[in-house]
């Protein structure tokens, strides 16, 4: 079908999916990894300084993902305070939530 005249709109498939995920027209299904999160955050235009995936940063004015006991925790760190704390059983669930939160916050974009 593709590759012939009238056979469809030529498009690099991976780029089409990335755009659709970034625009929230498609949702990533399956456990998200940190590498996949970083790629999707980049495609969505999220500034890398807006988040910290290992909790090792200065915890000031950014969203953080960290491991606490047997849970993955996502929160916003500002001036030593942790706000909007959410706990998750799996890293993938925490990353899904973090990405949705970053997309919803216009201050996280370049």
C-alpha atoms as a PDB file:
ATOM      1  CA  UNK A   1       0.000   0.000   0.000  1.00  0.00           C
ATOM      2  CA  UNK A   2       2.709   2.504   0.994  1.00  0.00           C
ATOM      3  CA  UNK A   3       5.427   3.338  -1.480  1.00  0.00           C
ATOM      4  CA  UNK A   4       3.002   3.581  -4.399  1.00  0.00           C
ATOM      5  CA  UNK A   5       1.169   6.573  -5.759  1.00  0.00           C
ATOM      6  CA  UNK A   6      -2.065   6.973  -3.818  1.00  0.00           C
ATOM      7  CA  UNK A   7      -0.882   4.411  -1.286  1.00  0.00           C
ATOM      8  CA  UNK A   8      -0.958   6.682   1.756  1.00  0.00           C
ATOM      9  CA  UNK A   9       0.992   9.483   3.312  1.00  0.00           C
ATOM     10  CA  UNK A  10       4.674   8.620   3.574  1.00  0.00           C
ATOM     11  CA  UNK A  11       5.867   9.045   7.116  1.00  0.00           C
ATOM     12  CA  UNK A  12       8.603   7.655   9.277  1.00  0.00           C
ATOM     13  CA  UNK A  13       6.529   5.462  11.577  1.00  0.00           C
ATOM     14  CA  UNK A  14       8.536   5.988  14.748  1.00  0.00           C
ATOM     15  CA  UNK A  15       8.367   9.769  14.405  1.00  0.00           C
ATOM     16  CA  UNK A  16       4.606   9.624  13.873  1.00  0.00           C
ATOM     17  CA  UNK A  17       4.155   7.634  17.071  1.00  0.00           C
ATOM     18  CA  UNK A  18       6.425   9.953  19.050  1.00  0.00           C
ATOM     19  CA  UNK A  19       4.431  12.971  17.871  1.00  0.00           C
ATOM     20  CA  UNK A  20       1.129  11.283  18.710  1.00  0.00           C
ATOM     21  CA  UNK A  21       2.361  10.372  22.198  1.00  0.00           C
ATOM     22  CA  UNK A  22       3.713  13.890  22.770  1.00  0.00           C
ATOM     23  CA  UNK A  23       0.363  15.375  21.722  1.00  0.00           C
ATOM     24  CA  UNK A  24      -1.503  12.923  23.992  1.00  0.00           C
ATOM     25  CA  UNK A  25      -3.256  11.346  20.992  1.00  0.00           C
ATOM     26  CA  UNK A  26      -1.661   8.017  21.948  1.00  0.00           C
ATOM     27  CA  UNK A  27      -0.654   6.724  25.340  1.00  0.00           C
ATOM     28  CA  UNK A  28       2.418   4.623  26.022  1.00  0.00           C
ATOM     29  CA  UNK A  29       1.283   1.162  27.097  1.00  0.00           C
ATOM     30  CA  UNK A  30       3.459  -1.083  29.195  1.00  0.00           C
ATOM     31  CA  UNK A  31       5.901  -0.394  31.950  1.00  0.00           C
ATOM     32  CA  UNK A  32       7.817   2.770  31.162  1.00  0.00           C
ATOM     33  CA  UNK A  33      11.565   2.806  31.681  1.00  0.00           C
ATOM     34  CA  UNK A  34      13.654   5.823  32.633  1.00  0.00           C
ATOM     35  CA  UNK A  35      15.154   5.891  29.123  1.00  0.00           C
ATOM     36  CA  UNK A  36      11.683   5.890  27.555  1.00  0.00           C
ATOM     37  CA  UNK A  37      10.561   8.593  29.979  1.00  0.00           C
ATOM     38  CA  UNK A  38      13.489  10.843  29.049  1.00  0.00           C
ATOM     39  CA  UNK A  39      12.772  10.377  25.339  1.00  0.00           C
ATOM     40  CA  UNK A  40       9.052  11.141  25.732  1.00  0.00           C
ATOM     41  CA  UNK A  41       9.733  14.143  27.974  1.00  0.00           C
ATOM     42  CA  UNK A  42      12.136  15.513  25.345  1.00  0.00           C
ATOM     43  CA  UNK A  43       9.572  15.022  22.579  1.00  0.00           C
ATOM     44  CA  UNK A  44       6.979  16.829  24.744  1.00  0.00           C
ATOM     45  CA  UNK A  45       9.371  19.773  25.149  1.00  0.00           C
ATOM     46  CA  UNK A  46       9.920  19.322  28.888  1.00  0.00           C
ATOM     47  CA  UNK A  47      13.089  20.967  30.189  1.00  0.00           C
ATOM     48  CA  UNK A  48      15.493  18.408  31.716  1.00  0.00           C
ATOM     49  CA  UNK A  49      15.923  20.710  34.732  1.00  0.00           C
ATOM     50  CA  UNK A  50      12.188  20.361  35.470  1.00  0.00           C
ATOM     51  CA  UNK A  51      12.647  16.825  36.801  1.00  0.00           C
ATOM     52  CA  UNK A  52      15.089  14.571  38.627  1.00  0.00           C
ATOM     53  CA  UNK A  53      14.798  10.818  38.139  1.00  0.00           C
ATOM     54  CA  UNK A  54      17.213   9.654  40.791  1.00  0.00           C
ATOM     55  CA  UNK A  55      16.501  12.063  43.631  1.00  0.00           C
ATOM     56  CA  UNK A  56      20.134  13.111  43.790  1.00  0.00           C
ATOM     57  CA  UNK A  57      19.657  16.729  42.723  1.00  0.00           C
ATOM     58  CA  UNK A  58      19.204  19.743  44.966  1.00  0.00           C
ATOM     59  CA  UNK A  59      15.448  19.037  45.220  1.00  0.00           C
ATOM     60  CA  UNK A  60      14.666  22.682  44.535  1.00  0.00           C
ATOM     61  CA  UNK A  61      11.926  23.707  42.145  1.00  0.00           C
ATOM     62  CA  UNK A  62      11.634  20.455  40.235  1.00  0.00           C
ATOM     63  CA  UNK A  63       9.606  17.249  40.154  1.00  0.00           C
ATOM     64  CA  UNK A  64      11.380  14.247  41.647  1.00  0.00           C
ATOM     65  CA  UNK A  65      11.187  10.486  41.408  1.00  0.00           C
ATOM     66  CA  UNK A  66      12.759   8.585  44.264  1.00  0.00           C
ATOM     67  CA  UNK A  67      12.617   5.192  45.928  1.00  0.00           C
ATOM     68  CA  UNK A  68      11.405   5.148  49.541  1.00  0.00           C
ATOM     69  CA  UNK A  69      11.265   1.758  51.243  1.00  0.00           C
ATOM     70  CA  UNK A  70       9.159  -0.440  48.959  1.00  0.00           C
ATOM     71  CA  UNK A  71       7.514   2.376  46.966  1.00  0.00           C
ATOM     72  CA  UNK A  72       8.331   4.764  44.153  1.00  0.00           C
ATOM     73  CA  UNK A  73       7.539   8.343  45.170  1.00  0.00           C
ATOM     74  CA  UNK A  74       6.860  11.355  42.945  1.00  0.00           C
ATOM     75  CA  UNK A  75       6.673  14.878  44.351  1.00  0.00           C
ATOM     76  CA  UNK A  76       7.521  18.510  43.701  1.00  0.00           C
ATOM     77  CA  UNK A  77      10.509  19.749  45.671  1.00  0.00           C
ATOM     78  CA  UNK A  78      10.794  23.387  46.588  1.00  0.00           C
ATOM     79  CA  UNK A  79      12.822  24.995  49.402  1.00  0.00           C
ATOM     80  CA  UNK A  80      13.129  21.700  51.225  1.00  0.00           C
ATOM     81  CA  UNK A  81       9.388  20.967  51.067  1.00  0.00           C
ATOM     82  CA  UNK A  82       7.816  18.008  49.290  1.00  0.00           C
ATOM     83  CA  UNK A  83       4.406  18.822  47.831  1.00  0.00           C
ATOM     84  CA  UNK A  84       1.966  16.693  45.846  1.00  0.00           C
ATOM     85  CA  UNK A  85       3.515  13.473  47.156  1.00  0.00           C
ATOM     86  CA  UNK A  86       2.243  10.354  45.375  1.00  0.00           C
ATOM     87  CA  UNK A  87       3.390   6.776  46.074  1.00  0.00           C
ATOM     88  CA  UNK A  88       3.411   3.968  43.495  1.00  0.00           C
ATOM     89  CA  UNK A  89       4.079   0.249  43.586  1.00  0.00           C
ATOM     90  CA  UNK A  90       6.061   0.181  40.337  1.00  0.00           C
ATOM     91  CA  UNK A  91       8.584   2.488  38.752  1.00  0.00           C
ATOM     92  CA  UNK A  92       6.579   2.411  35.509  1.00  0.00           C
ATOM     93  CA  UNK A  93       3.436   3.716  37.237  1.00  0.00           C
ATOM     94  CA  UNK A  94       5.446   6.471  38.895  1.00  0.00           C
ATOM     95  CA  UNK A  95       7.030   7.481  35.578  1.00  0.00           C
ATOM     96  CA  UNK A  96       3.604   7.529  33.870  1.00  0.00           C
ATOM     97  CA  UNK A  97       2.301   9.862  36.576  1.00  0.00           C
ATOM     98  CA  UNK A  98       5.400  12.051  36.453  1.00  0.00           C
ATOM     99  CA  UNK A  99       5.208  12.448  32.676  1.00  0.00           C
ATOM    100  CA  UNK A 100       1.498  13.347  32.832  1.00  0.00           C
ATOM    101  CA  UNK A 101       2.241  15.873  35.591  1.00  0.00           C
ATOM    102  CA  UNK A 102       5.071  17.468  33.608  1.00  0.00           C
ATOM    103  CA  UNK A 103       2.910  17.701  30.488  1.00  0.00           C
ATOM    104  CA  UNK A 104       0.128  19.386  32.472  1.00  0.00           C
ATOM    105  CA  UNK A 105       2.466  22.004  33.984  1.00  0.00           C
ATOM    106  CA  UNK A 106       3.281  24.708  31.406  1.00  0.00           C
ATOM    107  CA  UNK A 107       6.228  25.942  33.498  1.00  0.00           C
ATOM    108  CA  UNK A 108       8.176  22.756  32.681  1.00  0.00           C
ATOM    109  CA  UNK A 109       8.552  23.587  28.991  1.00  0.00           C
ATOM    110  CA  UNK A 110      11.415  25.414  27.316  1.00  0.00           C
END
